[in-house]
């Protein structure tokens, strides 16, 4: 019986470690939410990395284009690369 107690301690540590791992692991919902946040962050980074132009009008109505957004003015962000496909607007004549 002298050799049984070290095995009991080792078994208890192993079971305790397994129970701790099981209770601290991510649930499938948490994992899915984390993957969704990562996908949104990657999409936002990809959108910010695309080259863009900025279009705005000054006080005299002159239209300006630049690769830097103007300060203190409303501007329109224009993608330099066209989007795939055909864009159809039914309200245009």
Protein backbone atom coordinates (compact mmCIF):
# COMPACT_ATOMS: atom_id res chain seq x y z
CA UNK A 1 0.00 0.00 0.00
CA UNK A 2 3.00 2.28 0.22
CA UNK A 3 3.04 2.80 -3.58
CA UNK A 4 -0.68 3.56 -3.87
CA UNK A 5 -0.64 7.09 -2.46
CA UNK A 6 1.74 8.59 -5.09
CA UNK A 7 -0.57 7.25 -7.79
CA UNK A 8 -3.57 8.68 -5.99
CA UNK A 9 -1.88 12.10 -5.82
CA UNK A 10 -0.89 11.93 -9.51
CA UNK A 11 -4.41 10.85 -10.46
CA UNK A 12 -5.93 13.67 -8.41
CA UNK A 13 -3.65 16.23 -10.03
CA UNK A 14 -4.47 14.89 -13.47
CA UNK A 15 -8.22 14.95 -12.81
CA UNK A 16 -7.98 18.44 -11.29
CA UNK A 17 -6.04 19.72 -14.29
CA UNK A 18 -8.54 18.17 -16.70
CA UNK A 19 -11.46 19.70 -14.80
CA UNK A 20 -9.75 23.10 -14.79
CA UNK A 21 -9.09 22.94 -18.52
CA UNK A 22 -12.68 21.89 -19.19
CA UNK A 23 -14.13 24.75 -17.16
CA UNK A 24 -11.85 27.42 -18.72
CA UNK A 25 -12.14 26.40 -22.37
CA UNK A 26 -14.12 28.50 -24.86
CA UNK A 27 -17.66 27.53 -25.61
CA UNK A 28 -18.61 27.10 -29.28
CA UNK A 29 -20.60 30.35 -29.08
CA UNK A 30 -17.59 32.24 -27.71
CA UNK A 31 -15.35 30.77 -30.40
CA UNK A 32 -17.82 31.73 -33.14
CA UNK A 33 -18.15 35.27 -31.76
CA UNK A 34 -14.36 35.62 -31.65
CA UNK A 35 -14.05 34.41 -35.27
CA UNK A 36 -16.77 36.85 -36.36
CA UNK A 37 -14.98 39.77 -34.66
CA UNK A 38 -11.73 38.76 -36.34
CA UNK A 39 -13.44 38.56 -39.75
CA UNK A 40 -14.95 42.03 -39.29
CA UNK A 41 -11.60 43.45 -38.22
CA UNK A 42 -9.87 41.89 -41.24
CA UNK A 43 -12.54 43.28 -43.58
CA UNK A 44 -12.17 46.76 -42.07
CA UNK A 45 -8.38 46.59 -42.44
CA UNK A 46 -8.72 45.48 -46.06
CA UNK A 47 -11.12 48.34 -46.81
CA UNK A 48 -8.78 50.88 -45.22
CA UNK A 49 -5.84 49.52 -47.22
CA UNK A 50 -7.51 50.17 -50.59
CA UNK A 51 -6.33 53.34 -52.33
CA UNK A 52 -9.01 56.04 -52.36
CA UNK A 53 -9.57 59.56 -53.61
CA UNK A 54 -11.46 62.29 -51.81
CA UNK A 55 -13.79 64.70 -53.61
CA UNK A 56 -15.01 67.99 -52.16
CA UNK A 57 -16.10 71.51 -53.14
CA UNK A 58 -14.62 74.76 -51.90
CA UNK A 59 -16.54 77.97 -51.11
CA UNK A 60 -16.61 78.99 -54.79
CA UNK A 61 -18.05 75.64 -55.87
CA UNK A 62 -14.82 74.34 -57.42
CA UNK A 63 -14.57 70.56 -57.22
CA UNK A 64 -11.27 69.21 -55.86
CA UNK A 65 -9.82 65.69 -55.84
CA UNK A 66 -7.05 64.56 -53.52
CA UNK A 67 -5.57 61.48 -51.90
CA UNK A 68 -5.91 63.19 -48.48
CA UNK A 69 -9.29 64.07 -46.94
CA UNK A 70 -9.86 67.80 -46.45
CA UNK A 71 -10.04 69.15 -42.94
CA UNK A 72 -13.22 70.78 -41.77
CA UNK A 73 -15.19 70.05 -44.94
CA UNK A 74 -17.67 67.48 -46.14
CA UNK A 75 -16.13 65.13 -48.65
CA UNK A 76 -16.95 62.06 -50.68
CA UNK A 77 -14.73 58.99 -50.58
CA UNK A 78 -14.15 57.49 -54.03
CA UNK A 79 -12.56 54.08 -54.56
CA UNK A 80 -9.75 54.11 -57.13
CA UNK A 81 -10.49 50.59 -58.26
CA UNK A 82 -13.93 49.95 -59.75
CA UNK A 83 -16.22 47.45 -58.10
CA UNK A 84 -16.89 44.10 -59.75
CA UNK A 85 -20.12 43.78 -61.68
CA UNK A 86 -22.56 46.29 -63.08
CA UNK A 87 -24.27 48.90 -60.95
CA UNK A 88 -27.87 49.63 -61.95
CA UNK A 89 -29.94 52.51 -60.60
CA UNK A 90 -33.63 52.49 -61.52
CA UNK A 91 -34.17 56.12 -60.55
CA UNK A 92 -31.77 57.54 -63.18
CA UNK A 93 -32.99 58.75 -66.55
